[in-house]
């Protein structure tokens, strides 16, 4: 009976530990944010994602090309847990 109670207590502690790990992961999740800005003839796309989101820049570039935009330049930087991407493009002439 004592051993059974010890096992139950051990499982309860493990359950709480797993719950706290799950909450920590949710806090670190950063949802992507996208802004578009027109600067003269240039369309500037700014994207913020979490470092762990595995964002694929080439996918965004393909979408812009499919929409008739020529990519002029791209840049990215890591700031803490966030990745900042800037894509400058313009319509094909």
N, C-alpha and C. Protein backbone atom coordinates (compact mmCIF):
# COMPACT_ATOMS: atom_id res chain seq x y z
N UNK A 1 0.82 -1.19 0.00
CA UNK A 1 0.00 0.00 0.00
C UNK A 1 0.87 1.27 0.00
N UNK A 2 1.94 1.26 0.80
CA UNK A 2 2.84 2.41 0.88
C UNK A 2 3.55 2.61 -0.46
N UNK A 3 3.96 1.52 -1.06
CA UNK A 3 4.64 1.62 -2.35
C UNK A 3 3.70 2.17 -3.43
N UNK A 4 2.45 1.77 -3.40
CA UNK A 4 1.46 2.26 -4.35
C UNK A 4 1.29 3.77 -4.20
N UNK A 5 1.21 4.25 -2.97
CA UNK A 5 1.08 5.69 -2.70
C UNK A 5 2.32 6.43 -3.21
N UNK A 6 3.49 5.86 -3.03
CA UNK A 6 4.73 6.49 -3.51
C UNK A 6 4.70 6.60 -5.04
N UNK A 7 4.22 5.55 -5.70
CA UNK A 7 4.13 5.57 -7.17
C UNK A 7 3.15 6.65 -7.63
N UNK A 8 2.01 6.77 -6.94
CA UNK A 8 1.02 7.79 -7.29
C UNK A 8 1.63 9.18 -7.12
N UNK A 9 2.32 9.40 -6.02
CA UNK A 9 2.96 10.70 -5.78
C UNK A 9 4.01 11.01 -6.85
N UNK A 10 4.77 10.00 -7.21
CA UNK A 10 5.80 10.17 -8.24
C UNK A 10 5.16 10.54 -9.58
N UNK A 11 4.06 9.88 -9.93
CA UNK A 11 3.37 10.18 -11.18
C UNK A 11 2.77 11.59 -11.17
N UNK A 12 2.25 12.01 -10.02
CA UNK A 12 1.69 13.36 -9.91
C UNK A 12 2.79 14.42 -10.12
N UNK A 13 3.96 14.20 -9.53
CA UNK A 13 5.07 15.14 -9.71
C UNK A 13 5.50 15.19 -11.18
N UNK A 14 5.54 14.04 -11.81
CA UNK A 14 5.93 13.97 -13.23
C UNK A 14 4.91 14.71 -14.10
N UNK A 15 3.62 14.53 -13.79
CA UNK A 15 2.56 15.20 -14.53
C UNK A 15 2.70 16.72 -14.42
N UNK A 16 2.96 17.22 -13.24
CA UNK A 16 3.14 18.67 -13.03
C UNK A 16 4.36 19.18 -13.78
N UNK A 17 5.42 18.41 -13.77
CA UNK A 17 6.63 18.80 -14.50
C UNK A 17 6.35 18.91 -16.00
N UNK A 18 5.63 17.93 -16.54
CA UNK A 18 5.28 17.95 -17.96
C UNK A 18 4.39 19.14 -18.29
N UNK A 19 3.45 19.45 -17.42
CA UNK A 19 2.57 20.60 -17.64
C UNK A 19 3.37 21.90 -17.65
N UNK A 20 4.30 22.05 -16.75
CA UNK A 20 5.09 23.29 -16.70
C UNK A 20 5.97 23.42 -17.94
N UNK A 21 6.52 22.30 -18.44
CA UNK A 21 7.31 22.34 -19.68
C UNK A 21 6.44 22.77 -20.85
N UNK A 22 5.22 22.27 -20.91
CA UNK A 22 4.30 22.62 -21.99
C UNK A 22 3.96 24.10 -21.95
N UNK A 23 3.74 24.66 -20.77
CA UNK A 23 3.44 26.08 -20.63
C UNK A 23 4.64 26.93 -21.05
N UNK A 24 5.85 26.50 -20.71
CA UNK A 24 7.05 27.22 -21.12
C UNK A 24 7.16 27.26 -22.64
N UNK A 25 6.84 26.16 -23.30
CA UNK A 25 6.91 26.11 -24.76
C UNK A 25 5.89 27.05 -25.38
N UNK A 26 4.69 27.12 -24.80
CA UNK A 26 3.66 28.02 -25.32
C UNK A 26 4.10 29.47 -25.20
N UNK A 27 4.78 29.82 -24.11
CA UNK A 27 5.25 31.18 -23.92
C UNK A 27 6.32 31.54 -24.95
N UNK A 28 7.12 30.59 -25.39
CA UNK A 28 8.19 30.86 -26.35
C UNK A 28 7.68 30.91 -27.79
N UNK A 29 6.47 30.41 -28.04
CA UNK A 29 5.92 30.40 -29.39
C UNK A 29 5.60 31.84 -29.82
N UNK A 30 6.17 32.25 -30.92
CA UNK A 30 5.94 33.59 -31.44
C UNK A 30 5.20 33.45 -32.77
N UNK A 31 3.99 34.00 -32.81
CA UNK A 31 3.21 33.93 -34.04
C UNK A 31 3.79 34.91 -35.07
N UNK A 32 3.80 34.51 -36.33
CA UNK A 32 4.34 35.40 -37.37
C UNK A 32 3.51 36.68 -37.50
N UNK A 33 4.18 37.78 -37.81
CA UNK A 33 3.52 39.06 -38.06
C UNK A 33 4.04 39.59 -39.40
N UNK A 34 3.13 40.03 -40.24
CA UNK A 34 3.48 40.49 -41.58
C UNK A 34 2.96 41.91 -41.77
N UNK A 35 3.81 42.80 -42.28
CA UNK A 35 3.39 44.14 -42.64
C UNK A 35 3.88 44.45 -44.05
N UNK A 36 3.08 45.17 -44.79
CA UNK A 36 3.42 45.59 -46.14
C UNK A 36 3.43 47.11 -46.15
N UNK A 37 4.43 47.68 -46.83
CA UNK A 37 4.52 49.13 -46.91
C UNK A 37 4.97 49.51 -48.31
N UNK A 38 4.29 50.49 -48.86
CA UNK A 38 4.65 50.97 -50.19
C UNK A 38 5.51 52.22 -50.05
N UNK A 39 6.70 52.16 -50.62
CA UNK A 39 7.65 53.28 -50.57
C UNK A 39 7.97 53.63 -52.02
N UNK A 40 7.25 54.61 -52.57
CA UNK A 40 7.40 54.93 -53.99
C UNK A 40 6.94 53.75 -54.82
N UNK A 41 7.83 53.24 -55.68
CA UNK A 41 7.48 52.10 -56.51
C UNK A 41 7.88 50.76 -55.86
N UNK A 42 8.41 50.84 -54.66
CA UNK A 42 8.91 49.64 -53.97
C UNK A 42 7.89 49.16 -52.95
N UNK A 43 7.63 47.87 -52.96
CA UNK A 43 6.80 47.24 -51.94
C UNK A 43 7.74 46.60 -50.92
N UNK A 44 7.65 47.04 -49.68
CA UNK A 44 8.49 46.49 -48.62
C UNK A 44 7.65 45.53 -47.78
N UNK A 45 8.14 44.30 -47.67
CA UNK A 45 7.49 43.27 -46.88
C UNK A 45 8.34 43.05 -45.63
N UNK A 46 7.73 43.23 -44.47
CA UNK A 46 8.42 42.99 -43.21
C UNK A 46 7.74 41.82 -42.51
N UNK A 47 8.53 40.86 -42.11
CA UNK A 47 8.00 39.66 -41.48
C UNK A 47 8.78 39.40 -40.20
N UNK A 48 8.05 39.13 -39.13
CA UNK A 48 8.65 38.77 -37.85
C UNK A 48 8.17 37.37 -37.49
N UNK A 49 9.11 36.47 -37.24
CA UNK A 49 8.77 35.11 -36.83
C UNK A 49 9.62 34.73 -35.62
N UNK A 50 9.27 33.62 -35.01
CA UNK A 50 10.09 33.08 -33.94
C UNK A 50 11.28 32.35 -34.54
N UNK A 51 12.36 32.33 -33.81
CA UNK A 51 13.57 31.65 -34.29
C UNK A 51 13.28 30.17 -34.55
N UNK A 52 12.42 29.58 -33.73
CA UNK A 52 12.13 28.15 -33.84
C UNK A 52 10.99 27.83 -34.79
N UNK A 53 10.47 28.83 -35.52
CA UNK A 53 9.33 28.60 -36.42
C UNK A 53 9.72 27.94 -37.73
N UNK A 54 11.00 27.83 -38.04
CA UNK A 54 11.49 27.22 -39.28
C UNK A 54 10.89 27.88 -40.52
N UNK A 55 10.86 29.21 -40.53
CA UNK A 55 10.35 29.95 -41.67
C UNK A 55 11.28 29.76 -42.86
N UNK A 56 10.69 29.54 -44.01
CA UNK A 56 11.46 29.33 -45.24
C UNK A 56 11.32 30.59 -46.12
N UNK A 57 12.35 31.40 -46.15
CA UNK A 57 12.33 32.66 -46.90
C UNK A 57 12.04 32.42 -48.38
N UNK A 58 12.57 31.36 -48.94
CA UNK A 58 12.38 31.13 -50.38
C UNK A 58 10.90 30.97 -50.74
N UNK A 59 10.08 30.50 -49.81
CA UNK A 59 8.64 30.38 -50.09
C UNK A 59 8.00 31.75 -50.27
N UNK A 60 8.38 32.70 -49.43
CA UNK A 60 7.86 34.06 -49.56
C UNK A 60 8.32 34.68 -50.87
N UNK A 61 9.57 34.42 -51.25
CA UNK A 61 10.09 34.96 -52.51
C UNK A 61 9.35 34.38 -53.70
N UNK A 62 9.02 33.11 -53.65
CA UNK A 62 8.27 32.47 -54.74
C UNK A 62 6.88 33.09 -54.87
N UNK A 63 6.22 33.34 -53.74
CA UNK A 63 4.88 33.95 -53.78
C UNK A 63 4.95 35.34 -54.40
N UNK A 64 5.95 36.13 -54.03
CA UNK A 64 6.08 37.46 -54.61
C UNK A 64 6.30 37.39 -56.12
N UNK A 65 7.14 36.46 -56.54
CA UNK A 65 7.40 36.31 -57.98
C UNK A 65 6.13 35.88 -58.71
N UNK A 66 5.39 34.96 -58.13
CA UNK A 66 4.14 34.50 -58.75
C UNK A 66 3.13 35.63 -58.86
N UNK A 67 3.20 36.61 -57.97
CA UNK A 67 2.28 37.75 -57.99
C UNK A 67 2.79 38.88 -58.88
N UNK A 68 3.90 38.64 -59.61
CA UNK A 68 4.40 39.62 -60.57
C UNK A 68 5.35 40.64 -59.99
N UNK A 69 6.01 40.31 -58.91
CA UNK A 69 6.96 41.23 -58.30
C UNK A 69 8.40 40.74 -58.49
N UNK A 70 9.28 41.68 -58.69
CA UNK A 70 10.70 41.39 -58.79
C UNK A 70 11.34 41.72 -57.45
N UNK A 71 12.06 40.78 -56.87
CA UNK A 71 12.72 41.01 -55.59
C UNK A 71 13.99 41.80 -55.82
N UNK A 72 14.10 42.95 -55.16
CA UNK A 72 15.27 43.80 -55.29
C UNK A 72 16.32 43.48 -54.25
N UNK A 73 15.87 43.24 -53.02
CA UNK A 73 16.82 42.92 -51.95
C UNK A 73 16.09 42.25 -50.80
N UNK A 74 16.86 41.51 -50.02
CA UNK A 74 16.34 40.89 -48.80
C UNK A 74 17.37 41.08 -47.69
N UNK A 75 16.88 41.12 -46.48
CA UNK A 75 17.77 41.13 -45.33
C UNK A 75 17.06 40.45 -44.17
N UNK A 76 17.85 39.97 -43.25
CA UNK A 76 17.27 39.34 -42.06
C UNK A 76 18.22 39.54 -40.88
N UNK A 77 17.64 39.49 -39.71
CA UNK A 77 18.46 39.57 -38.50
C UNK A 77 17.73 38.87 -37.36
N UNK A 78 18.51 38.36 -36.44
CA UNK A 78 17.96 37.70 -35.26
C UNK A 78 18.04 38.69 -34.09
N UNK A 79 16.92 38.83 -33.40
CA UNK A 79 16.85 39.69 -32.23
C UNK A 79 16.21 38.87 -31.11
N UNK A 80 17.01 38.39 -30.21
CA UNK A 80 16.49 37.54 -29.14
C UNK A 80 15.88 36.28 -29.71
N UNK A 81 14.61 36.05 -29.43
CA UNK A 81 13.89 34.87 -29.91
C UNK A 81 13.17 35.13 -31.22
N UNK A 82 13.40 36.28 -31.85
CA UNK A 82 12.68 36.66 -33.06
C UNK A 82 13.62 36.77 -34.25
N UNK A 83 13.08 36.45 -35.42
CA UNK A 83 13.77 36.67 -36.69
C UNK A 83 13.02 37.77 -37.44
N UNK A 84 13.74 38.76 -37.92
CA UNK A 84 13.16 39.86 -38.67
C UNK A 84 13.62 39.76 -40.12
N UNK A 85 12.66 39.73 -41.04
CA UNK A 85 12.96 39.66 -42.47
C UNK A 85 12.41 40.90 -43.15
N UNK A 86 13.18 41.46 -44.08
CA UNK A 86 12.73 42.57 -44.90
C UNK A 86 12.99 42.19 -46.35
N UNK A 87 11.94 42.33 -47.16
CA UNK A 87 12.05 42.02 -48.59
C UNK A 87 11.58 43.26 -49.35
N UNK A 88 12.44 43.80 -50.20
CA UNK A 88 12.08 44.93 -51.05
C UNK A 88 11.85 44.41 -52.46
N UNK A 89 10.70 44.79 -53.03
CA UNK A 89 10.35 44.30 -54.37
C UNK A 89 9.60 45.40 -55.12
N UNK A 90 9.49 45.19 -56.43
CA UNK A 90 8.70 46.09 -57.26
C UNK A 90 8.08 45.29 -58.39
N UNK A 91 7.03 45.85 -58.99
CA UNK A 91 6.37 45.19 -60.10
C UNK A 91 7.30 45.14 -61.30
N UNK A 92 7.20 44.02 -62.05
CA UNK A 92 8.01 43.91 -63.26
C UNK A 92 7.62 45.04 -64.21
N UNK A 93 8.62 45.62 -64.88
CA UNK A 93 8.33 46.72 -65.83
C UNK A 93 8.00 46.17 -67.20
